[in-house]
Amino acid sequence: MSSAGKTPVMQTLRVSLPPGSPGYPIRIGEGILDAELRALAEPLARELIVVVTNDTLERLYPGRLTAALRGLKARVEICVIPDGEHFKTLETLASIFDRLMALGANRQTLLIAFGGGVVGDVAGFAAGTFMRGIKMLQVPTTLLAQVDSSIGGKTAVNHPSGKNAIGVFKQPEGVVIDPGFLRTLPERELRAGLFELVKHGIIADKPLFEFLEKNAARLARPDWARDGGFWEEAIARSVAVKCRVVEADELESGLRATLNFGHTVGHLIETLTHYEHYLHGEAVGVGMLFAGFLSRAWGALSAADFTRLRNLLEPLLSPVQLPALDERGFTELMLHDKKSSLRSVRYILLRGLGEVFIREKTAPSEVWPVFRQFVREHPAICRVQAA
């Protein structure tokens, strides 16, 4: 429901995919969930709708989507998975398949992902592979999922040796983004989601970066009750960037890889700490600062632009403490990253604010000394235990 009884105001964006592939709408606005979810689900659901969510959301919003979908001909069932990145596994995926089979799901079943990035990724993977593919909708409830992971169809689970190592592309039939869910999002989760939002400005939209730069105090002290209008605008502008990139490169053959800015070291941090200590956004935030540092060290980014980048990111970052790491371990972790090819990786670097490029065939041996320098110069951001 809308806050304070006000009439919901909705923005509609659309991901227009190449000929032969259907696009889909993205509806954004506080209080729009009931009407828009019903409108999207009704023509897709004949007999059964399965809502995949996590145990935290099930406690916070018991029966929320069941109530929103009441009155449709299809029956609505719930599949609850554990909350947390360390449950983004093949075992959790199998539990969704088990639930779908027990419910008698078939090719006509509609699956709805109701949750953050983990729910969206695992449920999307299930929708892309169950019965060779069933239709799905995304209802993201975290900032990270709203501006990034719910859009574009990348779904996956983790492997102990690598983040998002196993997955498929599965585009949803639609996305409903109700920023009102951010009101119950823990501050740590909200801060973690900021990095994917800021990333879109850094890599592809300098006016968005400047908008966020001017509102740096709001980013550093998130307050939905006071700044709801700011958050809705920031979300919509960030989503628009993601849509443009997905439209231009649906399957990540080129341009879309730039969305991985900050993710190589971000995924390294998550893997090294077993997905247990840092949220995805927290790890990526450190990876983004390092990518800017690397861009500056290699002469691609001006000192002035790196300073602006650092000034925006540093107040948002959470300190990262890593176990002992030598060059061999660093190399192995980088090459297990899904973006690796042979003995090198594609590294996403900056030429300027709002302008990235892909440096092909980047050897970990080139990155390692710069990473050590980064750790020495930013001990409040990233520490590595002595061997």
Protein backbone atom coordinates (compact mmCIF):
# COMPACT_ATOMS: atom_id res chain seq x y z
CA MET A 1 0.00 0.00 0.00
CA SER A 2 1.12 3.55 -0.56
CA SER A 3 2.49 5.55 2.36
CA ALA A 4 0.27 8.08 4.16
CA GLY A 5 -2.60 7.16 1.84
CA LYS A 6 -1.13 9.02 -1.12
CA THR A 7 -1.93 7.91 -4.66
CA PRO A 8 0.93 5.80 -6.06
CA VAL A 9 2.97 7.46 -8.79
CA MET A 10 4.48 5.00 -11.23
CA GLN A 11 7.26 5.19 -13.78
CA THR A 12 7.43 2.55 -16.51
CA LEU A 13 10.65 1.60 -18.25
CA ARG A 14 11.03 -1.18 -20.76
CA VAL A 15 13.82 -3.54 -21.71
CA SER A 16 13.54 -3.91 -25.49
CA LEU A 17 15.44 -7.00 -26.52
CA PRO A 18 16.61 -7.98 -30.03
CA PRO A 19 14.09 -9.12 -32.67
CA GLY A 20 12.66 -12.52 -31.82
CA SER A 21 13.07 -12.01 -28.07
CA PRO A 22 10.22 -10.40 -26.15
CA GLY A 23 11.03 -7.36 -24.07
CA TYR A 24 9.42 -6.67 -20.72
CA PRO A 25 8.22 -3.77 -18.59
CA ILE A 26 9.76 -2.48 -15.39
CA ARG A 27 7.25 -0.72 -13.15
CA ILE A 28 8.66 1.58 -10.43
CA GLY A 29 6.75 3.35 -7.67
CA GLU A 30 5.92 3.11 -4.00
CA GLY A 31 2.56 1.45 -3.40
CA ILE A 32 2.20 -0.08 -6.88
CA LEU A 33 2.76 -3.72 -5.96
CA ASP A 34 -0.82 -5.00 -5.74
CA ALA A 35 -2.18 -3.50 -8.94
CA GLU A 36 0.89 -4.01 -11.11
CA LEU A 37 1.72 -7.53 -9.97
CA ARG A 38 -1.85 -8.66 -10.62
CA ALA A 39 -1.85 -7.01 -14.05
CA LEU A 40 1.38 -8.76 -15.04
CA ALA A 41 0.54 -12.14 -13.51
CA GLU A 42 -3.04 -12.57 -14.72
CA PRO A 43 -2.31 -13.28 -18.41
CA LEU A 44 0.66 -15.52 -17.52
CA ALA A 45 -0.84 -17.78 -14.86
CA ARG A 46 -3.34 -20.49 -15.81
CA GLU A 47 -3.27 -22.94 -12.92
CA LEU A 48 -0.40 -22.36 -10.52
CA ILE A 49 1.75 -19.48 -9.27
CA VAL A 50 4.73 -20.29 -7.07
CA VAL A 51 6.25 -17.44 -5.06
CA VAL A 52 9.88 -18.04 -4.10
CA THR A 53 10.96 -15.96 -1.10
CA ASN A 54 13.26 -16.24 1.91
CA ASP A 55 12.50 -16.89 5.56
CA THR A 56 13.24 -13.29 6.59
CA LEU A 57 10.71 -11.83 4.17
CA GLU A 58 8.19 -14.49 5.06
CA ARG A 59 8.39 -13.26 8.66
CA LEU A 60 8.25 -9.57 7.71
CA TYR A 61 5.51 -9.88 5.07
CA PRO A 62 3.57 -13.09 5.74
CA GLY A 63 1.20 -13.80 2.87
CA ARG A 64 1.99 -10.46 1.22
CA LEU A 65 2.06 -11.72 -2.36
CA THR A 66 -0.71 -14.23 -1.78
CA ALA A 67 -2.93 -11.31 -0.76
CA ALA A 68 -1.82 -9.24 -3.75
CA LEU A 69 -2.73 -12.09 -6.13
CA ARG A 70 -6.05 -12.96 -4.49
CA GLY A 71 -8.87 -13.33 -6.98
CA LEU A 72 -6.81 -14.74 -9.83
CA LYS A 73 -7.88 -18.09 -11.21
CA ALA A 74 -4.50 -19.68 -10.53
CA ARG A 75 -3.78 -20.98 -7.06
CA VAL A 76 -0.82 -19.39 -5.25
CA GLU A 77 1.76 -21.41 -3.33
CA ILE A 78 4.88 -20.33 -1.43
CA CYS A 79 8.40 -21.76 -1.57
CA VAL A 80 10.62 -20.47 1.26
CA ILE A 81 14.41 -20.71 1.07
CA PRO A 82 17.01 -19.69 3.70
CA ASP A 83 18.20 -16.08 3.73
CA GLY A 84 21.84 -15.29 2.95
CA GLU A 85 24.49 -15.37 0.24
CA HIS A 86 25.96 -18.60 1.63
CA PHE A 87 22.65 -20.33 0.71
CA LYS A 88 23.03 -19.38 -2.96
CA THR A 89 23.94 -22.96 -3.80
CA LEU A 90 22.98 -25.94 -5.90
CA GLU A 91 21.40 -27.45 -2.78
CA THR A 92 19.02 -24.49 -2.44
CA LEU A 93 18.26 -24.68 -6.15
CA ALA A 94 17.42 -28.38 -5.75
CA SER A 95 15.04 -27.55 -2.89
CA ILE A 96 13.09 -25.26 -5.24
CA PHE A 97 12.88 -28.04 -7.83
CA ASP A 98 11.65 -30.40 -5.12
CA ARG A 99 8.94 -27.94 -4.11
CA LEU A 100 7.86 -27.39 -7.72
CA MET A 101 7.60 -31.13 -8.31
CA ALA A 102 5.64 -31.65 -5.08
CA LEU A 103 3.18 -28.94 -6.15
CA GLY A 104 2.67 -30.51 -9.58
CA ALA A 105 4.21 -27.56 -11.43
CA ASN A 106 4.45 -27.76 -15.22
CA ARG A 107 5.36 -25.64 -18.23
CA GLN A 108 2.35 -23.38 -17.58
CA THR A 109 3.39 -22.54 -14.01
CA LEU A 110 4.36 -18.95 -13.23
CA LEU A 111 7.21 -18.41 -10.79
CA ILE A 112 7.58 -15.11 -8.90
CA ALA A 113 10.86 -14.16 -7.19
CA PHE A 114 10.05 -12.07 -4.11
CA GLY A 115 13.24 -10.96 -2.40
CA GLY A 116 16.75 -9.66 -2.86
CA GLY A 117 19.53 -10.68 -5.19
CA VAL A 118 19.93 -14.22 -3.84
CA VAL A 119 16.23 -15.00 -4.21
CA GLY A 120 16.14 -13.46 -7.68
CA ASP A 121 19.23 -15.33 -8.86
CA VAL A 122 18.27 -18.75 -7.51
CA ALA A 123 14.59 -18.47 -8.46
CA GLY A 124 15.56 -17.20 -11.90
CA PHE A 125 17.93 -20.13 -12.37
CA ALA A 126 15.10 -22.46 -11.38
CA ALA A 127 12.68 -20.79 -13.81
CA GLY A 128 15.25 -21.00 -16.61
CA THR A 129 15.82 -24.72 -16.20
CA PHE A 130 12.69 -26.32 -14.70
CA MET A 131 10.83 -28.13 -17.49
CA ARG A 132 13.36 -26.43 -19.81
CA GLY A 133 12.03 -23.03 -18.82
CA ILE A 134 8.91 -21.51 -17.27
CA LYS A 135 7.74 -17.89 -17.08
CA MET A 136 8.71 -15.69 -14.15
CA LEU A 137 8.30 -12.23 -12.63
CA GLN A 138 10.75 -10.39 -10.42
CA VAL A 139 9.63 -8.46 -7.31
CA PRO A 140 12.93 -7.17 -5.85
CA THR A 141 12.90 -5.99 -2.24
CA THR A 142 16.48 -4.79 -1.69
CA LEU A 143 18.15 -1.77 -3.25
CA LEU A 144 20.78 -3.94 -4.91
CA ALA A 145 18.13 -6.15 -6.52
CA GLN A 146 15.95 -3.19 -7.53
CA VAL A 147 18.68 -1.37 -9.45
CA ASP A 148 20.67 -4.31 -10.73
CA SER A 149 20.17 -8.03 -10.26
CA SER A 150 16.42 -8.22 -11.03
CA ILE A 151 16.98 -6.72 -14.50
CA GLY A 152 18.75 -8.38 -17.39
CA GLY A 153 18.24 -12.09 -16.86
CA LYS A 154 21.58 -13.12 -15.35
CA THR A 155 20.89 -15.90 -12.86
CA ALA A 156 23.31 -18.18 -11.06
CA VAL A 157 24.41 -19.96 -7.92
CA ASN A 158 27.84 -19.92 -6.31
CA HIS A 159 30.45 -22.65 -6.28
CA PRO A 160 33.00 -22.91 -3.45
CA SER A 161 35.68 -21.95 -5.97
CA GLY A 162 33.87 -19.05 -7.61
CA LYS A 163 31.03 -16.56 -7.34
CA ASN A 164 28.11 -17.09 -9.77
CA ALA A 165 30.00 -19.92 -11.44
CA ILE A 166 26.89 -21.91 -12.47
CA GLY A 167 23.90 -20.27 -14.12
CA VAL A 168 21.81 -19.37 -17.15
CA PHE A 169 20.35 -16.28 -18.80
CA LYS A 170 16.65 -16.11 -17.98
CA GLN A 171 14.79 -12.89 -18.72
CA PRO A 172 11.69 -12.21 -16.60
CA GLU A 173 8.32 -11.32 -18.10
CA GLY A 174 8.28 -8.19 -15.99
CA VAL A 175 9.72 -6.47 -12.91
CA VAL A 176 7.74 -4.66 -10.21
CA ILE A 177 9.89 -2.33 -8.10
CA ASP A 178 8.15 -0.95 -5.03
CA PRO A 179 10.71 1.17 -3.13
CA GLY A 180 8.47 1.00 -0.07
CA PHE A 181 10.12 -2.32 0.79
CA LEU A 182 13.30 -0.37 1.53
CA ARG A 183 11.60 0.97 4.66
CA THR A 184 12.16 -2.39 6.38
CA LEU A 185 15.56 -3.05 4.83
CA PRO A 186 18.36 -3.07 7.43
CA GLU A 187 20.69 -0.09 7.02
CA ARG A 188 23.60 -2.38 6.21
CA GLU A 189 21.67 -3.92 3.30
CA LEU A 190 20.62 -0.47 2.06
CA ARG A 191 24.22 0.77 2.14
CA ALA A 192 25.42 -2.35 0.33
CA GLY A 193 22.93 -1.74 -2.46
CA LEU A 194 24.21 1.78 -2.94
CA PHE A 195 27.31 0.53 -4.72
CA GLU A 196 25.42 -1.01 -7.64
CA LEU A 197 23.39 2.18 -7.93
CA VAL A 198 26.48 4.41 -7.83
CA LYS A 199 28.26 2.05 -10.25
CA HIS A 200 25.80 2.88 -13.03
CA GLY A 201 26.69 6.55 -12.76
CA ILE A 202 30.41 5.81 -12.63
CA ILE A 203 30.48 3.62 -15.73
CA ALA A 204 27.85 5.05 -18.06
CA ASP A 205 26.04 8.18 -16.85
CA LYS A 206 28.10 11.13 -15.64
CA PRO A 207 24.98 13.24 -14.90
CA LEU A 208 23.79 10.45 -12.59
CA PHE A 209 27.19 10.40 -10.89
CA GLU A 210 26.98 14.18 -10.41
CA PHE A 211 23.42 13.87 -9.06
CA LEU A 212 24.63 11.35 -6.49
CA GLU A 213 27.71 13.45 -5.76
CA LYS A 214 25.47 16.43 -4.91
CA ASN A 215 23.41 14.18 -2.65
CA ALA A 216 26.38 12.49 -0.97
CA ALA A 217 25.05 13.33 2.51
CA ARG A 218 21.82 11.45 1.75
CA LEU A 219 23.80 8.43 0.57
CA ALA A 220 25.95 8.44 3.69
CA ARG A 221 22.91 8.71 6.01
CA PRO A 222 20.05 6.87 4.30
CA ASP A 223 16.65 8.03 5.53
CA TRP A 224 13.74 6.77 3.47
CA ALA A 225 11.11 8.59 5.51
CA ARG A 226 12.76 11.95 4.85
CA ASP A 227 14.20 11.37 1.38
CA GLY A 228 11.76 9.03 -0.35
CA GLY A 229 11.54 11.21 -3.45
CA PHE A 230 15.32 11.22 -3.83
CA TRP A 231 15.50 7.43 -3.60
CA GLU A 232 12.75 6.91 -6.19
CA GLU A 233 14.53 9.22 -8.63
CA ALA A 234 17.91 7.62 -7.99
CA ILE A 235 16.48 4.13 -8.47
CA ALA A 236 14.71 5.06 -11.72
CA ARG A 237 17.81 6.75 -13.17
CA SER A 238 20.00 3.81 -12.22
CA VAL A 239 17.54 1.29 -13.68
CA ALA A 240 17.48 3.27 -16.93
CA VAL A 241 21.24 2.77 -17.28
CA LYS A 242 20.93 -0.97 -16.67
CA CYS A 243 18.15 -1.20 -19.27
CA ARG A 244 20.24 0.56 -21.93
CA VAL A 245 23.19 -1.75 -21.39
CA VAL A 246 21.06 -4.92 -21.40
CA GLU A 247 19.29 -3.82 -24.58
CA ALA A 248 22.63 -3.28 -26.32
CA ASP A 249 24.18 -6.56 -25.19
CA GLU A 250 21.74 -9.07 -23.73
CA LEU A 251 24.16 -12.00 -23.40
CA GLU A 252 27.24 -10.09 -22.25
CA SER A 253 29.33 -10.52 -25.38
CA GLY A 254 30.84 -7.06 -25.05
CA LEU A 255 29.33 -3.87 -23.61
CA ARG A 256 27.40 -5.59 -20.83
CA ALA A 257 30.65 -6.84 -19.35
CA THR A 258 31.26 -3.24 -18.24
CA LEU A 259 28.56 -3.80 -15.58
CA ASN A 260 31.18 -6.01 -13.90
CA PHE A 261 33.12 -2.90 -12.89
CA GLY A 262 34.47 -3.61 -9.41
CA HIS A 263 33.32 -7.20 -9.46
CA THR A 264 36.63 -8.99 -10.10
CA VAL A 265 38.12 -8.01 -6.74
CA GLY A 266 34.62 -7.91 -5.23
CA HIS A 267 34.08 -11.57 -6.09
CA LEU A 268 37.61 -12.37 -4.90
CA ILE A 269 36.74 -10.88 -1.49
CA GLU A 270 33.50 -12.87 -1.29
CA THR A 271 35.14 -16.15 -2.30
CA LEU A 272 38.12 -15.67 0.00
CA THR A 273 35.80 -15.07 2.96
CA HIS A 274 33.43 -17.92 1.98
CA TYR A 275 30.46 -15.60 1.28
CA GLU A 276 29.90 -15.30 5.03
CA HIS A 277 31.40 -12.02 6.25
CA TYR A 278 30.57 -9.35 3.66
CA LEU A 279 27.51 -8.55 1.63
CA HIS A 280 27.88 -8.57 -2.14
CA GLY A 281 27.58 -4.79 -2.37
CA GLU A 282 30.16 -4.25 0.38
CA ALA A 283 32.70 -6.40 -1.48
CA VAL A 284 31.92 -4.78 -4.83
CA GLY A 285 32.27 -1.31 -3.28
CA VAL A 286 35.86 -2.09 -2.31
CA GLY A 287 36.38 -3.61 -5.76
CA MET A 288 35.10 -0.42 -7.39
CA LEU A 289 37.50 1.76 -5.43
CA PHE A 290 40.32 -0.60 -6.38
CA ALA A 291 39.30 -0.52 -10.05
CA GLY A 292 39.51 3.27 -9.93
CA PHE A 293 42.88 3.04 -8.16
CA LEU A 294 44.10 0.61 -10.82
CA SER A 295 42.83 2.87 -13.60
CA ARG A 296 44.75 5.76 -12.05
CA ALA A 297 47.91 3.67 -11.50
CA TRP A 298 47.91 2.58 -15.14
CA GLY A 299 47.42 6.12 -16.41
CA ALA A 300 43.89 5.76 -17.74
CA LEU A 301 42.10 7.92 -15.15
CA SER A 302 43.05 11.43 -14.11
CA ALA A 303 44.01 12.18 -10.52
CA ALA A 304 41.11 14.64 -10.28
CA ASP A 305 38.52 12.07 -11.38
CA PHE A 306 39.94 9.44 -9.03
CA THR A 307 39.69 11.91 -6.16
CA ARG A 308 36.01 12.54 -6.96
CA LEU A 309 35.39 8.80 -7.16
CA ARG A 310 37.18 8.18 -3.87
CA ASN A 311 35.35 11.04 -2.14
CA LEU A 312 31.98 9.58 -3.11
CA LEU A 313 32.79 5.94 -2.31
CA GLU A 314 34.92 6.08 0.83
CA PRO A 315 32.22 7.33 3.25
CA LEU A 316 29.98 4.46 2.11
CA LEU A 317 32.52 1.65 2.40
CA SER A 318 32.71 -0.92 5.17
CA PRO A 319 36.24 -2.06 6.13
CA VAL A 320 37.22 -5.45 4.71
CA GLN A 321 39.56 -7.81 6.56
CA LEU A 322 41.02 -10.59 4.41
CA PRO A 323 42.98 -13.68 5.44
CA ALA A 324 46.61 -14.04 4.40
CA LEU A 325 46.96 -13.80 0.63
CA ASP A 326 49.99 -14.27 -1.58
CA GLU A 327 50.38 -13.82 -5.34
CA ARG A 328 49.58 -17.46 -6.06
CA GLY A 329 46.32 -17.31 -4.11
CA PHE A 330 45.42 -13.98 -5.67
CA THR A 331 46.03 -15.42 -9.14
CA GLU A 332 43.97 -18.55 -8.49
CA LEU A 333 41.04 -16.52 -7.18
CA MET A 334 41.11 -14.11 -10.13
CA LEU A 335 41.25 -16.92 -12.68
CA HIS A 336 38.35 -18.78 -11.06
CA ASP A 337 36.26 -15.68 -11.60
CA LYS A 338 33.66 -16.30 -14.31
CA LYS A 339 35.11 -13.53 -16.46
CA SER A 340 38.47 -15.30 -16.78
CA SER A 341 39.82 -16.65 -20.06
CA LEU A 342 42.89 -18.91 -20.10
CA ARG A 343 45.44 -17.23 -17.82
CA SER A 344 44.02 -13.73 -17.89
CA VAL A 345 40.87 -11.74 -17.15
CA ARG A 346 38.94 -8.93 -18.81
CA TYR A 347 39.39 -6.00 -16.44
CA ILE A 348 36.91 -3.13 -16.45
CA LEU A 349 38.70 0.20 -16.07
CA LEU A 350 37.82 3.89 -16.17
CA ARG A 351 38.85 6.56 -18.66
CA GLY A 352 36.73 9.12 -16.90
CA LEU A 353 33.60 9.44 -14.82
CA GLY A 354 30.83 7.90 -16.90
CA GLU A 355 33.29 6.23 -19.30
CA VAL A 356 34.68 2.71 -18.94
CA PHE A 357 36.63 0.38 -21.20
CA ILE A 358 37.54 -3.29 -21.18
CA ARG A 359 41.20 -4.20 -20.91
CA GLU A 360 41.45 -7.64 -22.46
CA LYS A 361 43.92 -10.31 -21.39
CA THR A 362 44.90 -8.73 -18.09
CA ALA A 363 47.27 -11.05 -16.26
CA PRO A 364 46.87 -11.35 -12.48
CA SER A 365 50.64 -10.78 -12.21
CA GLU A 366 50.05 -7.24 -13.52
CA VAL A 367 47.30 -6.55 -11.00
CA TRP A 368 48.91 -8.08 -7.91
CA PRO A 369 51.54 -5.37 -7.22
CA VAL A 370 48.92 -2.65 -7.63
CA PHE A 371 46.59 -4.50 -5.25
CA ARG A 372 49.39 -4.64 -2.67
CA GLN A 373 49.95 -0.91 -3.11
CA PHE A 374 46.20 -0.31 -2.72
CA VAL A 375 46.17 -2.25 0.56
CA ARG A 376 49.16 -0.27 1.84
CA GLU A 377 47.56 3.08 0.97
CA HIS A 378 44.01 2.24 2.12
CA PRO A 379 44.40 0.22 5.35
CA ALA A 380 41.11 1.60 6.69
CA ILE A 381 39.31 0.10 3.69
CA CYS A 382 41.11 -3.20 3.02
CA ARG A 383 43.47 -5.11 5.27
CA VAL A 384 45.17 -8.42 4.54
CA GLN A 385 46.44 -10.52 7.43
CA ALA A 386 50.16 -11.20 7.51
CA ALA A 387 51.18 -14.66 6.37
